[in-house]
Amino acid sequence: MMAKRIDRRTAILTASAACFARYGYAKTTLDDIGRAAQLNKASLYYYFTGKDELFIAVVLHESNTFMVSLVERVRHLATPAEQVRYYIIERLHYYRLVLHQHQIPLAVLQALEPRFDQLYADVLEREVAFLAELLTPLFPAAPASTLPEPRQLARLLLSTADALKHEAVRQRTVRQTLALPNFSATEADTLLLTNLILASIAAPHLHHLPTYSPPR
């Protein structure tokens, strides 16, 4: 019984992904998904509360699949620095692809982002661990006490990269344009940030910079 329930849920997600990719988020209806999954609307509601939850589930499933593939590709690169740069930039490319593929309206994207962030927490922790693994070989054998831990730098890099891409979307919202955000500046800033962090690890004189203490 449990296997049948999982199979049906998987079939719904597969059908939903196909519909969102074909029609875009706004034009896809639960009737479209039901027909594609060969289920009625009542059966869809048994597994999902509505189109928003279905869309979030589809994007998270696709993101997990993408991340597995990305990790495989990253491991074939020659140096840790190349691996880090590639990983960070490919995450941005994938985010843009999701926006393009599903044609997500601005209002919907704004409404769903907080829910995505909540559900993505576990995935983010795995990303932090993987990126820290890539950064670790770049650290000197006896790092200075002021040099952050690999996990700290990994979290900083990921959170700042995500903030940059969200800012590009926010700017598009402010301009009320239907076009995709222009991620060229975002990509340049993300690469600059990545290179600065890589350089800070490699430069011994930066390891001894004093830490900041706020005035009393």
Protein backbone atom coordinates (compact mmCIF):
# COMPACT_ATOMS: atom_id res chain seq x y z
CA MET A 1 0.00 0.00 0.00
CA MET A 2 2.81 2.41 0.94
CA ALA A 3 4.70 1.63 -2.28
CA LYS A 4 1.56 2.35 -4.31
CA ARG A 5 1.12 5.68 -2.51
CA ILE A 6 4.75 6.64 -3.23
CA ASP A 7 4.37 5.59 -6.88
CA ARG A 8 1.25 7.72 -7.25
CA ARG A 9 2.91 10.72 -5.64
CA THR A 10 5.89 10.28 -8.00
CA ALA A 11 3.51 10.05 -10.97
CA ILE A 12 1.83 13.30 -9.89
CA LEU A 13 5.19 15.06 -9.56
CA THR A 14 6.28 13.80 -12.99
CA ALA A 15 3.02 14.95 -14.57
CA SER A 16 3.23 18.31 -12.79
CA ALA A 17 6.79 18.89 -13.97
CA ALA A 18 5.75 18.21 -17.56
CA CYS A 19 2.77 20.58 -17.31
CA PHE A 20 4.72 23.40 -15.68
CA ALA A 21 7.45 23.07 -18.31
CA ARG A 22 4.89 23.04 -21.15
CA TYR A 23 2.44 25.74 -20.04
CA GLY A 24 4.35 27.71 -17.41
CA TYR A 25 3.26 28.12 -13.82
CA ALA A 26 0.43 30.62 -14.40
CA LYS A 27 -1.33 28.71 -17.18
CA THR A 28 -1.05 25.25 -15.62
CA THR A 29 -4.22 24.07 -13.88
CA LEU A 30 -4.88 21.15 -11.57
CA ASP A 31 -7.11 19.75 -14.31
CA ASP A 32 -4.09 19.75 -16.66
CA ILE A 33 -2.03 17.90 -14.06
CA GLY A 34 -4.84 15.47 -13.30
CA ARG A 35 -5.22 14.58 -16.97
CA ALA A 36 -1.47 14.11 -17.36
CA ALA A 37 -1.33 11.90 -14.24
CA GLN A 38 -4.60 10.14 -15.16
CA LEU A 39 -6.14 11.16 -11.82
CA ASN A 40 -9.06 13.35 -10.85
CA LYS A 41 -8.64 16.60 -8.94
CA ALA A 42 -9.82 15.01 -5.67
CA SER A 43 -6.98 12.49 -5.89
CA LEU A 44 -4.47 15.33 -6.34
CA TYR A 45 -5.77 17.02 -3.19
CA TYR A 46 -5.19 13.78 -1.29
CA TYR A 47 -1.44 14.18 -1.89
CA PHE A 48 -1.02 17.95 -2.24
CA THR A 49 -2.94 20.95 -0.90
CA GLY A 50 -2.88 22.82 -4.20
CA LYS A 51 -0.87 24.07 -7.17
CA ASP A 52 1.59 26.05 -5.04
CA GLU A 53 2.58 23.01 -2.99
CA LEU A 54 2.85 20.92 -6.14
CA PHE A 55 5.08 23.50 -7.79
CA ILE A 56 7.34 23.77 -4.75
CA ALA A 57 7.62 19.96 -4.59
CA VAL A 58 8.51 19.80 -8.29
CA VAL A 59 11.19 22.51 -8.03
CA LEU A 60 12.73 20.96 -4.91
CA HIS A 61 12.80 17.52 -6.54
CA GLU A 62 14.40 18.94 -9.69
CA SER A 63 16.87 20.94 -7.58
CA ASN A 64 17.96 17.83 -5.69
CA THR A 65 18.49 16.00 -8.99
CA PHE A 66 20.46 18.95 -10.37
CA MET A 67 22.65 19.17 -7.25
CA VAL A 68 23.55 15.48 -7.48
CA SER A 69 24.53 15.97 -11.13
CA LEU A 70 26.47 19.15 -10.31
CA VAL A 71 28.48 17.45 -7.58
CA GLU A 72 29.45 14.73 -10.08
CA ARG A 73 30.63 17.32 -12.62
CA VAL A 74 32.50 19.35 -10.02
CA ARG A 75 34.54 16.34 -8.91
CA HIS A 76 35.98 15.97 -12.42
CA LEU A 77 37.61 19.42 -12.35
CA ALA A 78 41.34 19.63 -11.76
CA THR A 79 41.77 21.97 -8.79
CA PRO A 80 39.74 22.89 -5.69
CA ALA A 81 39.60 26.56 -6.79
CA GLU A 82 38.15 25.58 -10.17
CA GLN A 83 35.66 23.31 -8.41
CA VAL A 84 34.47 26.09 -6.10
CA ARG A 85 34.07 28.64 -8.91
CA TYR A 86 32.21 26.18 -11.14
CA TYR A 87 29.88 25.08 -8.34
CA ILE A 88 28.92 28.61 -7.33
CA ILE A 89 28.30 29.88 -10.87
CA GLU A 90 26.39 26.78 -12.01
CA ARG A 91 23.99 27.24 -9.07
CA LEU A 92 23.20 30.70 -10.44
CA HIS A 93 22.75 29.38 -13.98
CA TYR A 94 20.33 26.76 -12.69
CA TYR A 95 18.28 29.36 -10.78
CA ARG A 96 17.91 31.38 -13.99
CA LEU A 97 16.90 28.21 -15.87
CA VAL A 98 14.15 27.49 -13.34
CA LEU A 99 12.73 31.01 -13.75
CA HIS A 100 12.85 30.67 -17.54
CA GLN A 101 11.45 27.13 -17.75
CA HIS A 102 8.47 27.67 -15.49
CA GLN A 103 7.72 31.29 -16.48
CA ILE A 104 7.02 32.24 -12.87
CA PRO A 105 5.06 35.51 -12.43
CA LEU A 106 6.68 38.11 -10.19
CA ALA A 107 3.93 38.07 -7.57
CA VAL A 108 4.05 34.27 -7.34
CA LEU A 109 7.83 34.24 -7.03
CA GLN A 110 7.70 36.79 -4.21
CA ALA A 111 5.01 34.81 -2.39
CA LEU A 112 6.76 31.45 -2.73
CA GLU A 113 10.36 32.47 -1.97
CA PRO A 114 9.96 32.32 1.86
CA ARG A 115 8.44 28.85 1.63
CA PHE A 116 11.22 27.69 -0.68
CA ASP A 117 13.81 29.01 1.76
CA GLN A 118 12.20 27.09 4.64
CA LEU A 119 12.02 23.82 2.75
CA TYR A 120 15.48 24.28 1.22
CA ALA A 121 17.18 24.45 4.63
CA ASP A 122 18.23 20.78 4.59
CA VAL A 123 19.55 21.03 1.04
CA LEU A 124 21.48 24.17 2.00
CA GLU A 125 23.17 22.34 4.88
CA ARG A 126 24.32 19.66 2.45
CA GLU A 127 25.61 22.38 0.13
CA VAL A 128 27.53 24.01 2.97
CA ALA A 129 29.14 20.67 3.87
CA PHE A 130 30.10 19.96 0.24
CA LEU A 131 31.51 23.43 -0.38
CA ALA A 132 33.48 23.27 2.87
CA GLU A 133 34.94 19.97 1.63
CA LEU A 134 36.05 21.72 -1.59
CA LEU A 135 37.55 24.65 0.32
CA THR A 136 39.45 22.60 2.93
CA PRO A 137 42.44 21.60 0.69
CA LEU A 138 43.04 25.30 -0.03
CA PHE A 139 43.70 26.10 3.63
CA PRO A 140 47.29 26.21 4.89
CA ALA A 141 48.47 23.25 6.93
CA ALA A 142 48.62 25.38 10.08
CA PRO A 143 45.98 28.10 9.62
CA ALA A 144 46.14 31.24 11.74
CA SER A 145 43.55 31.51 14.46
CA THR A 146 41.93 34.47 12.68
CA LEU A 147 41.21 32.48 9.51
CA PRO A 148 37.57 31.33 9.43
CA GLU A 149 36.69 27.65 9.35
CA PRO A 150 35.89 26.16 5.90
CA ARG A 151 32.22 25.77 6.91
CA GLN A 152 32.02 29.44 7.88
CA LEU A 153 33.41 30.54 4.53
CA ALA A 154 31.18 28.06 2.69
CA ARG A 155 28.09 29.40 4.44
CA LEU A 156 29.15 33.01 3.79
CA LEU A 157 29.77 32.32 0.11
CA LEU A 158 26.46 30.51 -0.42
CA SER A 159 24.34 32.97 1.55
CA THR A 160 25.89 35.99 -0.20
CA ALA A 161 25.57 34.37 -3.64
CA ASP A 162 21.89 33.69 -2.92
CA ALA A 163 21.40 37.27 -1.70
CA LEU A 164 22.87 38.57 -4.97
CA LYS A 165 20.51 36.52 -7.12
CA HIS A 166 17.50 37.48 -4.98
CA GLU A 167 18.47 41.12 -5.34
CA ALA A 168 18.41 40.75 -9.13
CA VAL A 169 14.87 39.40 -8.88
CA ARG A 170 13.90 42.20 -6.47
CA GLN A 171 15.17 44.80 -8.92
CA ARG A 172 13.08 43.22 -11.66
CA THR A 173 10.07 43.43 -9.34
CA VAL A 174 10.72 47.12 -8.62
CA ARG A 175 10.85 47.83 -12.36
CA GLN A 176 7.68 45.74 -12.87
CA THR A 177 9.11 44.10 -15.96
CA LEU A 178 8.06 40.70 -17.26
CA ALA A 179 11.54 39.96 -18.60
CA LEU A 180 13.89 37.64 -16.78
CA PRO A 181 16.32 39.35 -14.41
CA ASN A 182 19.61 40.33 -15.99
CA PHE A 183 21.99 37.99 -14.21
CA SER A 184 25.14 39.15 -16.04
CA ALA A 185 26.01 41.66 -13.30
CA THR A 186 24.99 39.13 -10.65
CA GLU A 187 27.29 36.52 -12.18
CA ALA A 188 30.19 39.02 -12.29
CA ASP A 189 29.63 40.00 -8.64
CA THR A 190 29.31 36.36 -7.57
CA LEU A 191 32.54 35.45 -9.33
CA LEU A 192 34.28 38.47 -7.77
CA LEU A 193 33.10 37.41 -4.31
CA THR A 194 34.27 33.84 -4.92
CA ASN A 195 37.70 34.98 -6.13
CA LEU A 196 38.10 37.31 -3.12
CA ILE A 197 37.37 34.45 -0.72
CA LEU A 198 39.75 32.12 -2.57
CA ALA A 199 42.43 34.83 -2.53
CA SER A 200 41.97 35.44 1.18
CA ILE A 201 42.65 31.78 1.90
CA ALA A 202 45.75 31.77 -0.32
CA ALA A 203 47.27 35.04 1.02
CA PRO A 204 49.20 34.33 4.27
CA HIS A 205 49.41 38.02 5.27
CA LEU A 206 45.60 38.26 5.34
CA HIS A 207 45.34 35.47 7.90
CA HIS A 208 46.73 37.74 10.59
CA LEU A 209 44.35 40.67 10.17
CA PRO A 210 42.97 41.74 13.56
CA THR A 211 39.38 40.84 14.35
CA TYR A 212 36.90 43.65 14.86
CA SER A 213 35.83 44.54 18.38
CA PRO A 214 32.91 46.99 18.65
CA PRO A 215 33.53 50.08 20.80
CA ARG A 216 32.27 49.83 24.35
